[in-house]
Amino acid sequence: MLGTFQQSHIRIQIEAKSSTIRDSLTIISQLRCWLVPQTLSTGLPEKLAVGLIFTSWLGPIPVEHQVEQVEENGIKLLLSQGIDGYHEWHWGDGWVQSDLEGFSLLPINLGQTASLWRLRQFVEAVRD
């Protein structure tokens, strides 16, 4: 494990229903839309499912994700390579929370904040 231990817990309001937020976080085609500039592995199924392993890249830096839990109002991903740790998402009507902990050389709080900002823009543009 290279890097330093970092943790970041951010909760934001989003003007959308829980189902819209869930779809934005679990349907691969929607993930690809708002995760830019990150890219995802090719050949992925339509939705996240327990046991799925995929890689995202931020430029040349890979982060491997293993889906550990998928529930109606949350998901948990185990991370390795660029970040060794975990990422949990929880949501409800009008809010989303991202909890990220791990060892990394990357500034995970900065990336997490930017991702949540892009998620909010995407969700509010497609909301129910």
N, C-alpha and C. Protein backbone atom coordinates (compact mmCIF):
# COMPACT_ATOMS: atom_id res chain seq x y z
N MET A 1 0.83 -1.18 0.00
CA MET A 1 0.00 0.00 0.00
C MET A 1 0.87 1.24 0.00
N LEU A 2 0.85 1.92 -1.10
CA LEU A 2 1.60 3.16 -1.21
C LEU A 2 0.68 4.34 -0.93
N GLY A 3 1.26 5.40 -0.42
CA GLY A 3 0.48 6.59 -0.16
C GLY A 3 0.17 6.74 1.31
N THR A 4 -0.76 7.63 1.58
CA THR A 4 -1.17 7.89 2.95
C THR A 4 -2.62 7.48 3.13
N PHE A 5 -2.98 7.17 4.37
CA PHE A 5 -4.37 6.84 4.66
C PHE A 5 -5.18 8.13 4.61
N GLN A 6 -6.27 8.07 3.86
CA GLN A 6 -7.15 9.23 3.72
C GLN A 6 -8.59 8.76 3.90
N GLN A 7 -9.41 9.65 4.39
CA GLN A 7 -10.84 9.36 4.46
C GLN A 7 -11.62 10.63 4.17
N SER A 8 -12.75 10.44 3.52
CA SER A 8 -13.59 11.57 3.16
C SER A 8 -15.04 11.12 3.19
N HIS A 9 -15.87 11.89 3.84
CA HIS A 9 -17.30 11.58 3.96
C HIS A 9 -18.05 12.85 3.57
N ILE A 10 -18.77 12.78 2.45
CA ILE A 10 -19.47 13.95 1.95
C ILE A 10 -20.93 13.60 1.69
N ARG A 11 -21.82 14.44 2.16
CA ARG A 11 -23.26 14.29 1.91
C ARG A 11 -23.75 15.58 1.28
N ILE A 12 -24.48 15.44 0.16
CA ILE A 12 -25.00 16.63 -0.52
C ILE A 12 -26.49 16.46 -0.81
N GLN A 13 -27.14 17.57 -1.01
CA GLN A 13 -28.53 17.55 -1.44
C GLN A 13 -28.57 17.51 -2.97
N ILE A 14 -29.51 16.73 -3.49
CA ILE A 14 -29.74 16.65 -4.93
C ILE A 14 -31.25 16.68 -5.15
N GLU A 15 -31.69 17.57 -6.01
CA GLU A 15 -33.11 17.69 -6.30
C GLU A 15 -33.55 16.55 -7.21
N ALA A 16 -33.73 15.35 -6.62
CA ALA A 16 -34.15 14.18 -7.39
C ALA A 16 -34.67 13.11 -6.45
N LYS A 17 -35.45 12.20 -7.04
CA LYS A 17 -35.95 11.06 -6.29
C LYS A 17 -34.84 10.03 -6.07
N SER A 18 -35.03 9.23 -5.05
CA SER A 18 -34.08 8.17 -4.72
C SER A 18 -33.83 7.25 -5.91
N SER A 19 -34.87 6.91 -6.66
CA SER A 19 -34.72 5.99 -7.80
C SER A 19 -33.83 6.58 -8.89
N THR A 20 -33.92 7.88 -9.11
CA THR A 20 -33.08 8.52 -10.12
C THR A 20 -31.61 8.51 -9.69
N ILE A 21 -31.37 8.79 -8.41
CA ILE A 21 -30.01 8.75 -7.88
C ILE A 21 -29.46 7.34 -7.96
N ARG A 22 -30.27 6.35 -7.55
CA ARG A 22 -29.85 4.94 -7.61
C ARG A 22 -29.45 4.55 -9.04
N ASP A 23 -30.28 4.88 -10.01
CA ASP A 23 -29.98 4.53 -11.40
C ASP A 23 -28.69 5.18 -11.88
N SER A 24 -28.44 6.40 -11.47
CA SER A 24 -27.22 7.12 -11.87
C SER A 24 -25.97 6.47 -11.30
N LEU A 25 -26.12 5.77 -10.17
CA LEU A 25 -24.98 5.13 -9.51
C LEU A 25 -24.82 3.65 -9.84
N THR A 26 -25.86 3.02 -10.40
CA THR A 26 -25.79 1.58 -10.61
C THR A 26 -25.93 1.14 -12.07
N ILE A 27 -26.43 1.99 -12.95
CA ILE A 27 -26.54 1.65 -14.36
C ILE A 27 -25.27 2.14 -15.06
N ILE A 28 -24.54 1.21 -15.66
CA ILE A 28 -23.22 1.50 -16.21
C ILE A 28 -23.25 2.63 -17.24
N SER A 29 -24.23 2.65 -18.14
CA SER A 29 -24.28 3.70 -19.17
C SER A 29 -24.44 5.08 -18.53
N GLN A 30 -25.15 5.17 -17.40
CA GLN A 30 -25.29 6.45 -16.70
C GLN A 30 -24.01 6.81 -15.95
N LEU A 31 -23.36 5.81 -15.35
CA LEU A 31 -22.07 6.05 -14.68
C LEU A 31 -21.07 6.68 -15.65
N ARG A 32 -21.01 6.12 -16.86
CA ARG A 32 -20.07 6.62 -17.86
C ARG A 32 -20.32 8.09 -18.18
N CYS A 33 -21.57 8.53 -18.12
CA CYS A 33 -21.91 9.92 -18.46
C CYS A 33 -21.35 10.93 -17.46
N TRP A 34 -21.49 10.64 -16.17
CA TRP A 34 -21.10 11.66 -15.20
C TRP A 34 -19.72 11.44 -14.59
N LEU A 35 -19.10 10.28 -14.79
CA LEU A 35 -17.77 10.04 -14.23
C LEU A 35 -16.64 10.71 -15.02
N VAL A 36 -16.95 11.24 -16.20
CA VAL A 36 -15.94 11.90 -17.02
C VAL A 36 -15.17 12.90 -16.16
N PRO A 37 -13.86 12.94 -16.15
CA PRO A 37 -12.92 12.39 -17.12
C PRO A 37 -12.48 10.96 -16.84
N GLN A 38 -13.02 10.31 -15.80
CA GLN A 38 -12.69 8.91 -15.58
C GLN A 38 -13.31 8.06 -16.68
N THR A 39 -12.64 6.97 -16.99
CA THR A 39 -13.20 6.02 -17.95
C THR A 39 -13.34 4.67 -17.26
N LEU A 40 -14.25 3.85 -17.79
CA LEU A 40 -14.52 2.53 -17.21
C LEU A 40 -14.13 1.43 -18.17
N SER A 41 -13.89 0.24 -17.64
CA SER A 41 -13.61 -0.95 -18.44
C SER A 41 -14.69 -1.12 -19.50
N THR A 42 -14.32 -1.78 -20.59
CA THR A 42 -15.30 -2.13 -21.61
C THR A 42 -15.89 -3.50 -21.29
N GLY A 43 -17.00 -3.83 -21.95
CA GLY A 43 -17.61 -5.13 -21.79
C GLY A 43 -18.33 -5.35 -20.47
N LEU A 44 -18.75 -4.28 -19.84
CA LEU A 44 -19.45 -4.40 -18.55
C LEU A 44 -20.93 -4.69 -18.77
N PRO A 45 -21.59 -5.33 -17.78
CA PRO A 45 -23.03 -5.56 -17.89
C PRO A 45 -23.79 -4.24 -17.77
N GLU A 46 -25.10 -4.32 -17.90
CA GLU A 46 -25.95 -3.12 -17.84
C GLU A 46 -25.91 -2.44 -16.47
N LYS A 47 -25.88 -3.25 -15.40
CA LYS A 47 -25.95 -2.72 -14.04
C LYS A 47 -24.86 -3.32 -13.16
N LEU A 48 -24.54 -2.59 -12.09
CA LEU A 48 -23.64 -3.13 -11.08
C LEU A 48 -24.32 -4.31 -10.38
N ALA A 49 -23.54 -5.33 -10.10
CA ALA A 49 -24.05 -6.51 -9.38
C ALA A 49 -22.95 -7.01 -8.45
N VAL A 50 -23.34 -7.62 -7.36
CA VAL A 50 -22.39 -8.16 -6.40
C VAL A 50 -21.42 -9.11 -7.11
N GLY A 51 -20.14 -8.93 -6.84
CA GLY A 51 -19.10 -9.76 -7.44
C GLY A 51 -18.48 -9.19 -8.69
N LEU A 52 -19.12 -8.19 -9.31
CA LEU A 52 -18.57 -7.57 -10.52
C LEU A 52 -17.25 -6.87 -10.18
N ILE A 53 -16.26 -7.08 -11.02
CA ILE A 53 -14.97 -6.40 -10.88
C ILE A 53 -14.73 -5.61 -12.15
N PHE A 54 -14.43 -4.32 -11.99
CA PHE A 54 -14.15 -3.47 -13.14
C PHE A 54 -13.09 -2.45 -12.75
N THR A 55 -12.53 -1.82 -13.77
CA THR A 55 -11.47 -0.84 -13.54
C THR A 55 -11.91 0.51 -14.08
N SER A 56 -11.59 1.56 -13.34
CA SER A 56 -11.75 2.92 -13.84
C SER A 56 -10.35 3.52 -13.95
N TRP A 57 -10.20 4.46 -14.85
CA TRP A 57 -8.92 5.13 -15.02
C TRP A 57 -9.12 6.63 -14.92
N LEU A 58 -8.21 7.27 -14.25
CA LEU A 58 -8.12 8.72 -14.25
C LEU A 58 -6.78 9.00 -14.89
N GLY A 59 -6.81 9.24 -16.20
CA GLY A 59 -5.57 9.31 -16.96
C GLY A 59 -4.93 7.94 -16.94
N PRO A 60 -3.65 7.85 -16.58
CA PRO A 60 -2.97 6.56 -16.59
C PRO A 60 -3.13 5.76 -15.29
N ILE A 61 -3.85 6.29 -14.32
CA ILE A 61 -3.94 5.66 -13.01
C ILE A 61 -5.19 4.78 -12.93
N PRO A 62 -5.01 3.45 -12.76
CA PRO A 62 -6.16 2.56 -12.64
C PRO A 62 -6.62 2.41 -11.19
N VAL A 63 -7.92 2.26 -11.03
CA VAL A 63 -8.50 1.90 -9.74
C VAL A 63 -9.43 0.73 -10.00
N GLU A 64 -9.13 -0.41 -9.38
CA GLU A 64 -9.99 -1.58 -9.54
C GLU A 64 -11.10 -1.53 -8.50
N HIS A 65 -12.32 -1.83 -8.94
CA HIS A 65 -13.50 -1.81 -8.08
C HIS A 65 -14.09 -3.21 -8.04
N GLN A 66 -14.37 -3.71 -6.85
CA GLN A 66 -15.10 -4.96 -6.70
C GLN A 66 -16.39 -4.64 -5.97
N VAL A 67 -17.52 -4.95 -6.60
CA VAL A 67 -18.83 -4.64 -6.02
C VAL A 67 -19.11 -5.64 -4.91
N GLU A 68 -19.19 -5.14 -3.68
CA GLU A 68 -19.43 -6.00 -2.52
C GLU A 68 -20.90 -6.02 -2.12
N GLN A 69 -21.59 -4.89 -2.26
CA GLN A 69 -23.01 -4.81 -1.89
C GLN A 69 -23.74 -3.93 -2.89
N VAL A 70 -24.96 -4.34 -3.24
CA VAL A 70 -25.87 -3.50 -4.00
C VAL A 70 -27.22 -3.63 -3.33
N GLU A 71 -27.71 -2.53 -2.79
CA GLU A 71 -29.00 -2.52 -2.08
C GLU A 71 -29.87 -1.41 -2.65
N GLU A 72 -31.09 -1.35 -2.22
CA GLU A 72 -32.04 -0.35 -2.73
C GLU A 72 -31.54 1.08 -2.51
N ASN A 73 -30.85 1.32 -1.38
CA ASN A 73 -30.40 2.67 -1.07
C ASN A 73 -28.91 2.75 -0.77
N GLY A 74 -28.12 1.83 -1.35
CA GLY A 74 -26.68 1.91 -1.12
C GLY A 74 -25.89 0.87 -1.89
N ILE A 75 -24.63 1.17 -2.09
CA ILE A 75 -23.69 0.23 -2.69
C ILE A 75 -22.36 0.35 -1.95
N LYS A 76 -21.58 -0.74 -1.99
CA LYS A 76 -20.25 -0.73 -1.40
C LYS A 76 -19.28 -1.35 -2.40
N LEU A 77 -18.18 -0.65 -2.65
CA LEU A 77 -17.15 -1.08 -3.57
C LEU A 77 -15.82 -1.20 -2.84
N LEU A 78 -15.14 -2.34 -3.01
CA LEU A 78 -13.78 -2.48 -2.50
C LEU A 78 -12.84 -1.99 -3.59
N LEU A 79 -11.83 -1.22 -3.21
CA LEU A 79 -10.92 -0.60 -4.17
C LEU A 79 -9.52 -1.14 -4.02
N SER A 80 -8.81 -1.23 -5.15
CA SER A 80 -7.39 -1.62 -5.12
C SER A 80 -6.68 -0.92 -6.27
N GLN A 81 -5.39 -1.02 -6.28
CA GLN A 81 -4.47 -0.39 -7.23
C GLN A 81 -4.30 1.08 -6.86
N GLY A 82 -4.86 2.03 -7.59
CA GLY A 82 -4.64 3.45 -7.31
C GLY A 82 -5.13 3.91 -5.95
N ILE A 83 -6.14 3.22 -5.42
CA ILE A 83 -6.65 3.44 -4.06
C ILE A 83 -6.88 2.07 -3.45
N ASP A 84 -6.31 1.82 -2.29
CA ASP A 84 -6.56 0.57 -1.57
C ASP A 84 -7.48 0.89 -0.40
N GLY A 85 -8.76 0.54 -0.55
CA GLY A 85 -9.72 0.84 0.49
C GLY A 85 -11.13 0.49 0.06
N TYR A 86 -12.08 1.36 0.36
CA TYR A 86 -13.47 1.12 -0.02
C TYR A 86 -14.18 2.43 -0.31
N HIS A 87 -15.29 2.32 -1.06
CA HIS A 87 -16.15 3.45 -1.37
C HIS A 87 -17.58 3.00 -1.16
N GLU A 88 -18.29 3.67 -0.26
CA GLU A 88 -19.70 3.39 -0.02
C GLU A 88 -20.54 4.57 -0.46
N TRP A 89 -21.67 4.26 -1.07
CA TRP A 89 -22.65 5.27 -1.45
C TRP A 89 -23.97 4.94 -0.74
N HIS A 90 -24.63 5.98 -0.23
CA HIS A 90 -25.96 5.85 0.36
C HIS A 90 -26.79 7.01 -0.18
N TRP A 91 -28.09 6.78 -0.39
CA TRP A 91 -28.93 7.84 -0.95
C TRP A 91 -30.37 7.67 -0.51
N GLY A 92 -31.11 8.75 -0.71
CA GLY A 92 -32.55 8.79 -0.46
C GLY A 92 -33.13 9.92 -1.28
N ASP A 93 -34.41 10.19 -1.12
CA ASP A 93 -35.02 11.30 -1.85
C ASP A 93 -34.34 12.61 -1.46
N GLY A 94 -33.69 13.25 -2.41
CA GLY A 94 -33.10 14.56 -2.19
C GLY A 94 -31.69 14.59 -1.64
N TRP A 95 -31.01 13.44 -1.49
CA TRP A 95 -29.65 13.47 -0.93
C TRP A 95 -28.85 12.25 -1.38
N VAL A 96 -27.53 12.42 -1.35
CA VAL A 96 -26.60 11.32 -1.58
C VAL A 96 -25.39 11.52 -0.67
N GLN A 97 -24.84 10.40 -0.18
CA GLN A 97 -23.66 10.46 0.67
C GLN A 97 -22.60 9.52 0.11
N SER A 98 -21.37 9.99 0.09
CA SER A 98 -20.24 9.21 -0.40
C SER A 98 -19.22 9.11 0.73
N ASP A 99 -18.86 7.88 1.08
CA ASP A 99 -17.85 7.63 2.11
C ASP A 99 -16.70 6.87 1.46
N LEU A 100 -15.53 7.47 1.48
CA LEU A 100 -14.36 6.92 0.79
C LEU A 100 -13.20 6.89 1.77
N GLU A 101 -12.60 5.70 1.92
CA GLU A 101 -11.44 5.56 2.79
C GLU A 101 -10.42 4.66 2.10
N GLY A 102 -9.15 5.02 2.26
CA GLY A 102 -8.12 4.16 1.71
C GLY A 102 -6.76 4.80 1.69
N PHE A 103 -5.80 4.01 1.26
CA PHE A 103 -4.42 4.47 1.07
C PHE A 103 -4.25 4.84 -0.38
N SER A 104 -3.68 6.01 -0.63
CA SER A 104 -3.48 6.45 -2.00
C SER A 104 -2.48 7.60 -2.06
N LEU A 105 -1.84 7.71 -3.21
CA LEU A 105 -1.03 8.90 -3.50
C LEU A 105 -1.92 10.01 -4.06
N LEU A 106 -3.12 9.64 -4.53
CA LEU A 106 -4.07 10.60 -5.09
C LEU A 106 -4.75 11.39 -3.98
N PRO A 107 -5.12 12.64 -4.24
CA PRO A 107 -5.90 13.41 -3.26
C PRO A 107 -7.37 13.00 -3.35
N ILE A 108 -7.78 11.98 -2.57
CA ILE A 108 -9.11 11.40 -2.78
C ILE A 108 -10.25 12.37 -2.46
N ASN A 109 -10.07 13.28 -1.53
CA ASN A 109 -11.13 14.24 -1.22
C ASN A 109 -11.42 15.14 -2.41
N LEU A 110 -10.39 15.57 -3.10
CA LEU A 110 -10.57 16.43 -4.27
C LEU A 110 -11.33 15.69 -5.38
N GLY A 111 -10.93 14.45 -5.66
CA GLY A 111 -11.61 13.66 -6.67
C GLY A 111 -13.05 13.35 -6.30
N GLN A 112 -13.28 13.05 -5.03
CA GLN A 112 -14.62 12.74 -4.55
C GLN A 112 -15.52 13.97 -4.67
N THR A 113 -15.02 15.12 -4.31
CA THR A 113 -15.80 16.36 -4.41
C THR A 113 -16.17 16.65 -5.86
N ALA A 114 -15.21 16.51 -6.76
CA ALA A 114 -15.48 16.74 -8.18
C ALA A 114 -16.50 15.74 -8.72
N SER A 115 -16.39 14.48 -8.31
CA SER A 115 -17.34 13.46 -8.76
C SER A 115 -18.76 13.76 -8.27
N LEU A 116 -18.89 14.17 -7.03
CA LEU A 116 -20.22 14.50 -6.50
C LEU A 116 -20.82 15.70 -7.21
N TRP A 117 -20.01 16.66 -7.55
CA TRP A 117 -20.49 17.84 -8.28
C TRP A 117 -21.02 17.42 -9.65
N ARG A 118 -20.25 16.53 -10.35
CA ARG A 118 -20.70 16.06 -11.66
C ARG A 118 -21.95 15.19 -11.54
N LEU A 119 -22.02 14.36 -10.49
CA LEU A 119 -23.20 13.53 -10.27
C LEU A 119 -24.43 14.43 -10.07
N ARG A 120 -24.31 15.45 -9.25
CA ARG A 120 -25.44 16.35 -9.01
C ARG A 120 -25.92 17.00 -10.31
N GLN A 121 -24.98 17.49 -11.12
CA GLN A 121 -25.35 18.10 -12.40
C GLN A 121 -26.09 17.11 -13.28
N PHE A 122 -25.58 15.88 -13.37
CA PHE A 122 -26.20 14.85 -14.22
C PHE A 122 -27.59 14.49 -13.72
N VAL A 123 -27.70 14.19 -12.43
CA VAL A 123 -28.98 13.75 -11.86
C VAL A 123 -30.04 14.83 -11.98
N GLU A 124 -29.69 16.06 -11.70
CA GLU A 124 -30.68 17.14 -11.78
C GLU A 124 -31.10 17.41 -13.22
N ALA A 125 -30.27 17.06 -14.18
CA ALA A 125 -30.63 17.22 -15.58
C ALA A 125 -31.58 16.12 -16.05
N VAL A 126 -31.52 14.92 -15.45
CA VAL A 126 -32.35 13.79 -15.89
C VAL A 126 -33.43 13.42 -14.88
N ARG A 127 -33.58 14.17 -13.82
CA ARG A 127 -34.48 13.77 -12.73
C ARG A 127 -35.91 13.53 -13.21
N ASP A 128 -36.60 12.75 -12.36
CA ASP A 128 -38.00 12.36 -12.64
C ASP A 128 -38.91 13.56 -12.68
